[in-house]
Amino acid sequence: VERRTPDDVTTTWWRKDRDPRKLFVDYNQNARDHTIAAAYSV
């Protein structure tokens, strides 16, 4: 996704190193014991 839209996307891991204008595709949400809010979660 980053290759196709390099002006919009970053995969840079460390937050301090990311361009604040870009979108981070957070692949690390798939690491063990990492969770995000479920569908329909308030």
All heavy atoms as atom14 arrays in JSON, in Angstrom:
{
  "sequence": "VERRTPDDVTTTWWRKDRDPRKLFVDYNQNARDHTIAAAYSV",
  "atom14_mask": [
    [1, 1, 1, 1, 1, 1, 1, 0, 0, 0, 0, 0, 0, 0],
    [1, 1, 1, 1, 1, 1, 1, 1, 1, 0, 0, 0, 0, 0],
    [1, 1, 1, 1, 1, 1, 1, 1, 1, 1, 1, 0, 0, 0],
    [1, 1, 1, 1, 1, 1, 1, 1, 1, 1, 1, 0, 0, 0],
    [1, 1, 1, 1, 1, 1, 1, 0, 0, 0, 0, 0, 0, 0],
    [1, 1, 1, 1, 1, 1, 1, 0, 0, 0, 0, 0, 0, 0],
    [1, 1, 1, 1, 1, 1, 1, 1, 0, 0, 0, 0, 0, 0],
    [1, 1, 1, 1, 1, 1, 1, 1, 0, 0, 0, 0, 0, 0],
    [1, 1, 1, 1, 1, 1, 1, 0, 0, 0, 0, 0, 0, 0],
    [1, 1, 1, 1, 1, 1, 1, 0, 0, 0, 0, 0, 0, 0],
    [1, 1, 1, 1, 1, 1, 1, 0, 0, 0, 0, 0, 0, 0],
    [1, 1, 1, 1, 1, 1, 1, 0, 0, 0, 0, 0, 0, 0],
    [1, 1, 1, 1, 1, 1, 1, 1, 1, 1, 1, 1, 1, 1],
    [1, 1, 1, 1, 1, 1, 1, 1, 1, 1, 1, 1, 1, 1],
    [1, 1, 1, 1, 1, 1, 1, 1, 1, 1, 1, 0, 0, 0],
    [1, 1, 1, 1, 1, 1, 1, 1, 1, 0, 0, 0, 0, 0],
    [1, 1, 1, 1, 1, 1, 1, 1, 0, 0, 0, 0, 0, 0],
    [1, 1, 1, 1, 1, 1, 1, 1, 1, 1, 1, 0, 0, 0],
    [1, 1, 1, 1, 1, 1, 1, 1, 0, 0, 0, 0, 0, 0],
    [1, 1, 1, 1, 1, 1, 1, 0, 0, 0, 0, 0, 0, 0],
    [1, 1, 1, 1, 1, 1, 1, 1, 1, 1, 1, 0, 0, 0],
    [1, 1, 1, 1, 1, 1, 1, 1, 1, 0, 0, 0, 0, 0],
    [1, 1, 1, 1, 1, 1, 1, 1, 0, 0, 0, 0, 0, 0],
    [1, 1, 1, 1, 1, 1, 1, 1, 1, 1, 1, 0, 0, 0],
    [1, 1, 1, 1, 1, 1, 1, 0, 0, 0, 0, 0, 0, 0],
    [1, 1, 1, 1, 1, 1, 1, 1, 0, 0, 0, 0, 0, 0],
    [1, 1, 1, 1, 1, 1, 1, 1, 1, 1, 1, 1, 0, 0],
    [1, 1, 1, 1, 1, 1, 1, 1, 0, 0, 0, 0, 0, 0],
    [1, 1, 1, 1, 1, 1, 1, 1, 1, 0, 0, 0, 0, 0],
    [1, 1, 1, 1, 1, 1, 1, 1, 0, 0, 0, 0, 0, 0],
    [1, 1, 1, 1, 1, 0, 0, 0, 0, 0, 0, 0, 0, 0],
    [1, 1, 1, 1, 1, 1, 1, 1, 1, 1, 1, 0, 0, 0],
    [1, 1, 1, 1, 1, 1, 1, 1, 0, 0, 0, 0, 0, 0],
    [1, 1, 1, 1, 1, 1, 1, 1, 1, 1, 0, 0, 0, 0],
    [1, 1, 1, 1, 1, 1, 1, 0, 0, 0, 0, 0, 0, 0],
    [1, 1, 1, 1, 1, 1, 1, 1, 0, 0, 0, 0, 0, 0],
    [1, 1, 1, 1, 1, 0, 0, 0, 0, 0, 0, 0, 0, 0],
    [1, 1, 1, 1, 1, 0, 0, 0, 0, 0, 0, 0, 0, 0],
    [1, 1, 1, 1, 1, 0, 0, 0, 0, 0, 0, 0, 0, 0],
    [1, 1, 1, 1, 1, 1, 1, 1, 1, 1, 1, 1, 0, 0],
    [1, 1, 1, 1, 1, 1, 0, 0, 0, 0, 0, 0, 0, 0],
    [1, 1, 1, 1, 1, 1, 1, 0, 0, 0, 0, 0, 0, 0]
  ],
  "atom14_positions": [
    [[0.84, -1.2, 0.0], [0.0, 0.0, 0.0], [0.88, 1.25, 0.0], [0.61, 2.22, -0.72], [-0.96, -0.01, 1.22], [-1.73, 1.31, 1.31], [-1.94, -1.18, 1.13], [0.0, 0.0, 0.0], [0.0, 0.0, 0.0], [0.0, 0.0, 0.0], [0.0, 0.0, 0.0], [0.0, 0.0, 0.0], [0.0, 0.0, 0.0], [0.0, 0.0, 0.0]],
    [[1.98, 1.22, 0.75], [2.89, 2.35, 0.78], [3.53, 2.58, -0.59], [3.69, 3.74, -1.03], [3.97, 2.11, 1.83], [4.94, 3.26, 2.01], [6.0, 2.95, 3.06], [6.35, 1.76, 3.24], [6.47, 3.9, 3.7], [0.0, 0.0, 0.0], [0.0, 0.0, 0.0], [0.0, 0.0, 0.0], [0.0, 0.0, 0.0], [0.0, 0.0, 0.0]],
    [[3.89, 1.5, -1.29], [4.5, 1.65, -2.63], [3.53, 2.36, -3.58], [3.95, 3.13, -4.44], [4.86, 0.28, -3.19], [6.04, -0.4, -2.54], [6.4, -1.69, -3.25], [7.33, -2.48, -2.46], [7.0, -3.52, -1.72], [5.74, -3.93, -1.68], [7.91, -4.17, -1.03], [0.0, 0.0, 0.0], [0.0, 0.0, 0.0], [0.0, 0.0, 0.0]],
    [[2.24, 2.05, -3.44], [1.26, 2.59, -4.38], [0.85, 4.01, -4.04], [0.33, 4.72, -4.92], [0.03, 1.68, -4.42], [0.35, 0.29, -4.91], [-0.89, -0.54, -5.16], [-0.55, -1.93, -5.47], [-1.37, -2.79, -6.06], [-2.59, -2.41, -6.4], [-0.97, -4.02, -6.28], [0.0, 0.0, 0.0], [0.0, 0.0, 0.0], [0.0, 0.0, 0.0]],
    [[1.01, 4.42, -2.81], [0.63, 5.77, -2.42], [1.65, 6.35, -1.44], [1.34, 6.63, -0.28], [-0.81, 5.79, -1.85], [-1.15, 7.11, -1.48], [-1.02, 4.83, -0.71], [0.0, 0.0, 0.0], [0.0, 0.0, 0.0], [0.0, 0.0, 0.0], [0.0, 0.0, 0.0], [0.0, 0.0, 0.0], [0.0, 0.0, 0.0], [0.0, 0.0, 0.0]],
    [[2.88, 6.52, -1.92], [3.97, 6.94, -1.01], [3.79, 8.33, -0.42], [4.36, 8.62, 0.63], [5.21, 6.87, -1.91], [4.68, 7.01, -3.3], [3.36, 6.32, -3.3], [0.0, 0.0, 0.0], [0.0, 0.0, 0.0], [0.0, 0.0, 0.0], [0.0, 0.0, 0.0], [0.0, 0.0, 0.0], [0.0, 0.0, 0.0], [0.0, 0.0, 0.0]],
    [[3.01, 9.17, -1.07], [2.8, 10.51, -0.53], [1.83, 10.52, 0.65], [1.78, 11.49, 1.4], [2.27, 11.46, -1.61], [3.3, 11.73, -2.69], [4.51, 11.56, -2.42], [2.89, 12.09, -3.82], [0.0, 0.0, 0.0], [0.0, 0.0, 0.0], [0.0, 0.0, 0.0], [0.0, 0.0, 0.0], [0.0, 0.0, 0.0], [0.0, 0.0, 0.0]],
    [[1.06, 9.43, 0.78], [0.02, 9.38, 1.82], [0.34, 8.43, 2.96], [-0.19, 8.59, 4.06], [-1.32, 8.93, 1.21], [-1.98, 10.0, 0.35], [-1.65, 11.19, 0.55], [-2.81, 9.65, -0.49], [0.0, 0.0, 0.0], [0.0, 0.0, 0.0], [0.0, 0.0, 0.0], [0.0, 0.0, 0.0], [0.0, 0.0, 0.0], [0.0, 0.0, 0.0]],
    [[1.17, 7.41, 2.71], [1.31, 6.29, 3.64], [2.73, 6.16, 4.15], [3.7, 6.39, 3.41], [0.87, 4.97, 2.97], [1.24, 3.75, 3.8], [-0.64, 4.99, 2.72], [0.0, 0.0, 0.0], [0.0, 0.0, 0.0], [0.0, 0.0, 0.0], [0.0, 0.0, 0.0], [0.0, 0.0, 0.0], [0.0, 0.0, 0.0], [0.0, 0.0, 0.0]],
    [[2.84, 5.76, 5.41], [4.13, 5.39, 5.98], [4.0, 4.05, 6.7], [2.93, 3.72, 7.24], [4.63, 6.46, 6.98], [5.89, 6.05, 7.5], [3.67, 6.66, 8.13], [0.0, 0.0, 0.0], [0.0, 0.0, 0.0], [0.0, 0.0, 0.0], [0.0, 0.0, 0.0], [0.0, 0.0, 0.0], [0.0, 0.0, 0.0], [0.0, 0.0, 0.0]],
    [[5.09, 3.29, 6.66], [5.18, 2.08, 7.49], [6.29, 2.25, 8.53], [6.71, 1.27, 9.16], [5.44, 0.83, 6.64], [6.64, 1.01, 5.88], [4.27, 0.54, 5.71], [0.0, 0.0, 0.0], [0.0, 0.0, 0.0], [0.0, 0.0, 0.0], [0.0, 0.0, 0.0], [0.0, 0.0, 0.0], [0.0, 0.0, 0.0], [0.0, 0.0, 0.0]],
    [[6.8, 3.46, 8.69], [7.84, 3.74, 9.68], [7.32, 3.4, 11.07], [6.27, 3.9, 11.48], [8.26, 5.21, 9.62], [8.76, 5.49, 8.32], [9.32, 5.53, 10.67], [0.0, 0.0, 0.0], [0.0, 0.0, 0.0], [0.0, 0.0, 0.0], [0.0, 0.0, 0.0], [0.0, 0.0, 0.0], [0.0, 0.0, 0.0], [0.0, 0.0, 0.0]],
    [[8.07, 2.57, 11.79], [7.54, 2.06, 13.05], [7.54, 3.11, 14.16], [6.54, 3.32, 14.84], [8.31, 0.82, 13.51], [7.84, 0.36, 14.86], [8.53, 0.29, 16.0], [6.51, -0.07, 15.18], [7.73, -0.15, 17.03], [6.48, -0.38, 16.55], [5.33, -0.21, 14.44], [5.33, -0.83, 17.2], [4.18, -0.65, 15.09], [4.2, -0.96, 16.44]],
    [[8.66, 3.8, 14.38], [8.75, 4.71, 15.5], [7.95, 5.97, 15.22], [8.16, 6.66, 14.23], [10.2, 5.07, 15.8], [10.99, 3.88, 16.23], [11.96, 3.23, 15.53], [10.84, 3.15, 17.46], [12.44, 2.16, 16.25], [11.77, 2.08, 17.44], [10.02, 3.3, 18.58], [11.9, 1.17, 18.48], [10.14, 2.39, 19.63], [11.07, 1.34, 19.58]],
    [[7.03, 6.26, 16.11], [6.11, 7.39, 15.91], [6.87, 8.7, 15.69], [6.48, 9.51, 14.85], [5.17, 7.5, 17.11], [4.06, 8.51, 16.93], [3.14, 8.55, 18.14], [2.01, 9.43, 17.89], [0.85, 9.04, 17.38], [0.67, 7.77, 17.06], [-0.13, 9.9, 17.17], [0.0, 0.0, 0.0], [0.0, 0.0, 0.0], [0.0, 0.0, 0.0]],
    [[7.96, 8.89, 16.44], [8.71, 10.14, 16.35], [9.32, 10.33, 14.96], [9.67, 11.46, 14.57], [9.81, 10.18, 17.41], [10.88, 9.09, 17.24], [11.94, 9.16, 18.34], [12.96, 8.05, 18.2], [13.7, 8.07, 16.95], [0.0, 0.0, 0.0], [0.0, 0.0, 0.0], [0.0, 0.0, 0.0], [0.0, 0.0, 0.0], [0.0, 0.0, 0.0]],
    [[9.48, 9.24, 14.2], [10.11, 9.31, 12.89], [9.1, 9.44, 11.75], [9.49, 9.56, 10.59], [10.98, 8.08, 12.65], [12.14, 7.99, 13.63], [12.6, 9.06, 14.08], [12.57, 6.86, 13.93], [0.0, 0.0, 0.0], [0.0, 0.0, 0.0], [0.0, 0.0, 0.0], [0.0, 0.0, 0.0], [0.0, 0.0, 0.0], [0.0, 0.0, 0.0]],
    [[7.8, 9.38, 12.07], [6.79, 9.43, 11.0], [6.47, 10.86, 10.61], [6.45, 11.76, 11.44], [5.5, 8.75, 11.47], [5.61, 7.28, 11.7], [4.26, 6.72, 12.17], [4.47, 5.53, 12.99], [3.68, 5.19, 14.0], [2.63, 5.93, 14.31], [3.94, 4.1, 14.7], [0.0, 0.0, 0.0], [0.0, 0.0, 0.0], [0.0, 0.0, 0.0]],
    [[6.16, 11.03, 9.33], [5.66, 12.31, 8.83], [4.26, 12.52, 9.42], [3.37, 11.7, 9.2], [5.59, 12.26, 7.31], [5.19, 13.58, 6.67], [4.48, 14.37, 7.33], [5.57, 13.81, 5.51], [0.0, 0.0, 0.0], [0.0, 0.0, 0.0], [0.0, 0.0, 0.0], [0.0, 0.0, 0.0], [0.0, 0.0, 0.0], [0.0, 0.0, 0.0]],
    [[4.02, 13.6, 10.15], [2.72, 13.8, 10.8], [1.57, 14.02, 9.83], [0.41, 13.99, 10.23], [2.94, 15.03, 11.68], [4.08, 15.76, 11.05], [4.96, 14.69, 10.48], [0.0, 0.0, 0.0], [0.0, 0.0, 0.0], [0.0, 0.0, 0.0], [0.0, 0.0, 0.0], [0.0, 0.0, 0.0], [0.0, 0.0, 0.0], [0.0, 0.0, 0.0]],
    [[1.89, 14.2, 8.54], [0.83, 14.39, 7.54], [0.39, 13.08, 6.92], [-0.55, 13.06, 6.12], [1.33, 15.32, 6.44], [1.69, 16.74, 6.92], [2.5, 17.47, 5.88], [3.79, 16.78, 5.64], [4.67, 17.18, 4.74], [4.42, 18.22, 3.98], [5.81, 16.51, 4.6], [0.0, 0.0, 0.0], [0.0, 0.0, 0.0], [0.0, 0.0, 0.0]],
    [[1.07, 11.98, 7.27], [0.78, 10.7, 6.61], [-0.08, 9.78, 7.46], [-0.33, 10.03, 8.64], [2.1, 10.01, 6.25], [2.86, 10.69, 5.13], [4.04, 9.85, 4.67], [4.73, 10.49, 3.47], [5.83, 9.62, 2.96], [0.0, 0.0, 0.0], [0.0, 0.0, 0.0], [0.0, 0.0, 0.0], [0.0, 0.0, 0.0], [0.0, 0.0, 0.0]],
    [[-0.51, 8.71, 6.81], [-1.28, 7.66, 7.49], [-0.37, 6.47, 7.72], [0.34, 6.02, 6.81], [-2.48, 7.26, 6.62], [-3.4, 6.18, 7.19], [-4.85, 6.45, 6.78], [-3.0, 4.78, 6.71], [0.0, 0.0, 0.0], [0.0, 0.0, 0.0], [0.0, 0.0, 0.0], [0.0, 0.0, 0.0], [0.0, 0.0, 0.0], [0.0, 0.0, 0.0]],
    [[-0.38, 5.96, 8.93], [0.4, 4.78, 9.29], [-0.48, 3.54, 9.14], [-1.54, 3.46, 9.76], [0.89, 4.92, 10.74], [1.65, 3.72, 11.26], [2.69, 3.17, 10.54], [1.31, 3.17, 12.49], [3.4, 2.08, 11.03], [2.0, 2.08, 12.99], [3.05, 1.53, 12.26], [0.0, 0.0, 0.0], [0.0, 0.0, 0.0], [0.0, 0.0, 0.0]],
    [[-0.05, 2.59, 8.32], [-0.75, 1.31, 8.22], [-0.16, 0.43, 9.32], [0.95, -0.09, 9.21], [-0.58, 0.67, 6.83], [-1.33, -0.66, 6.78], [-1.11, 1.61, 5.74], [0.0, 0.0, 0.0], [0.0, 0.0, 0.0], [0.0, 0.0, 0.0], [0.0, 0.0, 0.0], [0.0, 0.0, 0.0], [0.0, 0.0, 0.0], [0.0, 0.0, 0.0]],
    [[-0.91, 0.27, 10.4], [-0.39, -0.33, 11.63], [-0.48, -1.85, 11.59], [-1.42, -2.45, 12.12], [-1.12, 0.23, 12.84], [-0.43, -0.14, 14.15], [0.53, -0.93, 14.1], [-0.87, 0.35, 15.21], [0.0, 0.0, 0.0], [0.0, 0.0, 0.0], [0.0, 0.0, 0.0], [0.0, 0.0, 0.0], [0.0, 0.0, 0.0], [0.0, 0.0, 0.0]],
    [[0.51, -2.46, 10.98], [0.59, -3.92, 10.88], [0.81, -4.57, 12.23], [0.48, -5.75, 12.42], [1.74, -4.3, 9.93], [3.02, -3.59, 10.26], [3.92, -4.1, 11.17], [3.31, -2.35, 9.67], [5.08, -3.42, 11.5], [4.46, -1.66, 9.99], [5.34, -2.21, 10.91], [6.48, -1.52, 11.25], [0.0, 0.0, 0.0], [0.0, 0.0, 0.0]],
    [[1.34, -3.85, 13.19], [1.67, -4.46, 14.47], [0.44, -4.78, 15.3], [0.54, -5.45, 16.33], [2.62, -3.57, 15.27], [3.65, -4.38, 16.04], [4.25, -5.29, 15.48], [3.84, -4.06, 17.31], [0.0, 0.0, 0.0], [0.0, 0.0, 0.0], [0.0, 0.0, 0.0], [0.0, 0.0, 0.0], [0.0, 0.0, 0.0], [0.0, 0.0, 0.0]],
    [[-0.74, -4.32, 14.85], [-1.96, -4.71, 15.54], [-2.23, -6.21, 15.39], [-3.15, -6.74, 16.04], [-3.16, -3.92, 15.01], [-3.08, -2.42, 15.27], [-3.19, -2.07, 16.75], [-3.12, -2.92, 17.63], [-3.37, -0.79, 17.04], [0.0, 0.0, 0.0], [0.0, 0.0, 0.0], [0.0, 0.0, 0.0], [0.0, 0.0, 0.0], [0.0, 0.0, 0.0]],
    [[-1.45, -6.89, 14.57], [-1.59, -8.34, 14.4], [-0.6, -9.12, 15.25], [-0.56, -10.36, 15.17], [-1.42, -8.7, 12.93], [-2.52, -8.11, 12.09], [-3.61, -8.65, 12.0], [-2.25, -6.96, 11.47], [0.0, 0.0, 0.0], [0.0, 0.0, 0.0], [0.0, 0.0, 0.0], [0.0, 0.0, 0.0], [0.0, 0.0, 0.0], [0.0, 0.0, 0.0]],
    [[0.2, -8.43, 16.04], [1.12, -9.12, 16.95], [0.35, -9.75, 18.1], [-0.77, -9.34, 18.42], [2.16, -8.14, 17.48], [0.0, 0.0, 0.0], [0.0, 0.0, 0.0], [0.0, 0.0, 0.0], [0.0, 0.0, 0.0], [0.0, 0.0, 0.0], [0.0, 0.0, 0.0], [0.0, 0.0, 0.0], [0.0, 0.0, 0.0], [0.0, 0.0, 0.0]],
    [[0.96, -10.73, 18.72], [0.28, -11.45, 19.81], [-0.07, -10.49, 20.95], [0.73, -9.67, 21.37], [1.19, -12.56, 20.33], [0.52, -13.52, 21.29], [1.5, -14.6, 21.74], [0.84, -15.66, 22.47], [0.56, -15.61, 23.78], [0.89, -14.52, 24.48], [-0.05, -16.61, 24.37], [0.0, 0.0, 0.0], [0.0, 0.0, 0.0], [0.0, 0.0, 0.0]],
    [[-1.31, -10.63, 21.44], [-1.81, -9.84, 22.57], [-1.96, -8.36, 22.24], [-2.1, -7.54, 23.13], [-0.93, -10.03, 23.82], [-1.6, -9.5, 25.09], [-2.83, -9.59, 25.18], [-0.88, -8.99, 25.98], [0.0, 0.0, 0.0], [0.0, 0.0, 0.0], [0.0, 0.0, 0.0], [0.0, 0.0, 0.0], [0.0, 0.0, 0.0], [0.0, 0.0, 0.0]],
    [[-1.97, -8.02, 20.95], [-2.35, -6.66, 20.57], [-3.81, -6.69, 20.15], [-4.23, -7.59, 19.4], [-1.49, -6.15, 19.4], [-0.12, -5.76, 19.81], [0.48, -4.59, 19.39], [0.79, -6.37, 20.62], [1.69, -4.49, 19.91], [1.91, -5.57, 20.65], [0.0, 0.0, 0.0], [0.0, 0.0, 0.0], [0.0, 0.0, 0.0], [0.0, 0.0, 0.0]],
    [[-4.58, -5.76, 20.62], [-6.01, -5.77, 20.32], [-6.48, -4.38, 19.93], [-5.86, -3.37, 20.31], [-6.84, -6.24, 21.54], [-6.63, -5.34, 22.63], [-6.47, -7.65, 21.95], [0.0, 0.0, 0.0], [0.0, 0.0, 0.0], [0.0, 0.0, 0.0], [0.0, 0.0, 0.0], [0.0, 0.0, 0.0], [0.0, 0.0, 0.0], [0.0, 0.0, 0.0]],
    [[-7.56, -4.33, 19.16], [-8.23, -3.06, 18.86], [-9.72, -3.26, 19.08], [-10.2, -4.39, 19.18], [-7.93, -2.57, 17.44], [-8.16, -3.66, 16.4], [-6.52, -2.04, 17.33], [-7.86, -3.19, 14.97], [0.0, 0.0, 0.0], [0.0, 0.0, 0.0], [0.0, 0.0, 0.0], [0.0, 0.0, 0.0], [0.0, 0.0, 0.0], [0.0, 0.0, 0.0]],
    [[-10.43, -2.16, 19.19], [-11.85, -2.22, 19.51], [-12.61, -3.01, 18.45], [-12.41, -2.85, 17.25], [-12.42, -0.81, 19.63], [0.0, 0.0, 0.0], [0.0, 0.0, 0.0], [0.0, 0.0, 0.0], [0.0, 0.0, 0.0], [0.0, 0.0, 0.0], [0.0, 0.0, 0.0], [0.0, 0.0, 0.0], [0.0, 0.0, 0.0], [0.0, 0.0, 0.0]],
    [[-13.52, -3.84, 18.92], [-14.31, -4.7, 18.04], [-15.33, -3.88, 17.24], [-15.69, -2.76, 17.6], [-15.06, -5.74, 18.88], [0.0, 0.0, 0.0], [0.0, 0.0, 0.0], [0.0, 0.0, 0.0], [0.0, 0.0, 0.0], [0.0, 0.0, 0.0], [0.0, 0.0, 0.0], [0.0, 0.0, 0.0], [0.0, 0.0, 0.0], [0.0, 0.0, 0.0]],
    [[-15.8, -4.48, 16.17], [-16.97, -3.93, 15.49], [-18.11, -3.82, 16.5], [-18.36, -4.73, 17.3], [-17.39, -4.84, 14.34], [0.0, 0.0, 0.0], [0.0, 0.0, 0.0], [0.0, 0.0, 0.0], [0.0, 0.0, 0.0], [0.0, 0.0, 0.0], [0.0, 0.0, 0.0], [0.0, 0.0, 0.0], [0.0, 0.0, 0.0], [0.0, 0.0, 0.0]],
    [[-18.76, -2.66, 16.5], [-19.88, -2.31, 17.38], [-19.44, -1.97, 18.8], [-20.28, -1.65, 19.64], [-20.97, -3.39, 17.39], [-21.55, -3.61, 16.03], [-21.22, -4.73, 15.28], [-22.38, -2.66, 15.44], [-21.72, -4.91, 14.0], [-22.87, -2.83, 14.17], [-22.54, -3.95, 13.45], [-23.03, -4.12, 12.18], [0.0, 0.0, 0.0], [0.0, 0.0, 0.0]],
    [[-18.13, -1.99, 19.08], [-17.69, -1.53, 20.4], [-17.84, -0.02, 20.49], [-17.43, 0.72, 19.59], [-16.24, -1.92, 20.65], [-15.79, -1.38, 21.89], [0.0, 0.0, 0.0], [0.0, 0.0, 0.0], [0.0, 0.0, 0.0], [0.0, 0.0, 0.0], [0.0, 0.0, 0.0], [0.0, 0.0, 0.0], [0.0, 0.0, 0.0], [0.0, 0.0, 0.0]],
    [[-18.4, 0.42, 21.61], [-18.4, 1.84, 21.92], [-16.97, 2.22, 22.32], [-16.21, 1.4, 22.82], [-19.39, 2.13, 23.07], [-19.42, 3.62, 23.4], [-20.79, 1.65, 22.7], [0.0, 0.0, 0.0], [0.0, 0.0, 0.0], [0.0, 0.0, 0.0], [0.0, 0.0, 0.0], [0.0, 0.0, 0.0], [0.0, 0.0, 0.0], [0.0, 0.0, 0.0]]
  ]
}
